[in-house]
């Protein structure tokens, strides 16, 4: 799988590859809505970055200790 996908190559069927926002940007671009040319980083590339950089562990540790209860 590619790490970068251009909007012109993305459709609503690519949610698992680029996420919902990326898929919607691809749909709008290909429909002719004035969206600037752009690209999405694939979900796999993002996961690989989190793992190889080690930052994923830091982020998950912070989020795991986050109190999200509304008082």
Foldseek 3Di string as FASTA:
>chain_A
DDQKDKLCRAACVCCQFFNDVSNVSSNCVNVPNPDPTDIGGTPVNVVVCCVVVVVVVVVVVVVVPDDPDDD
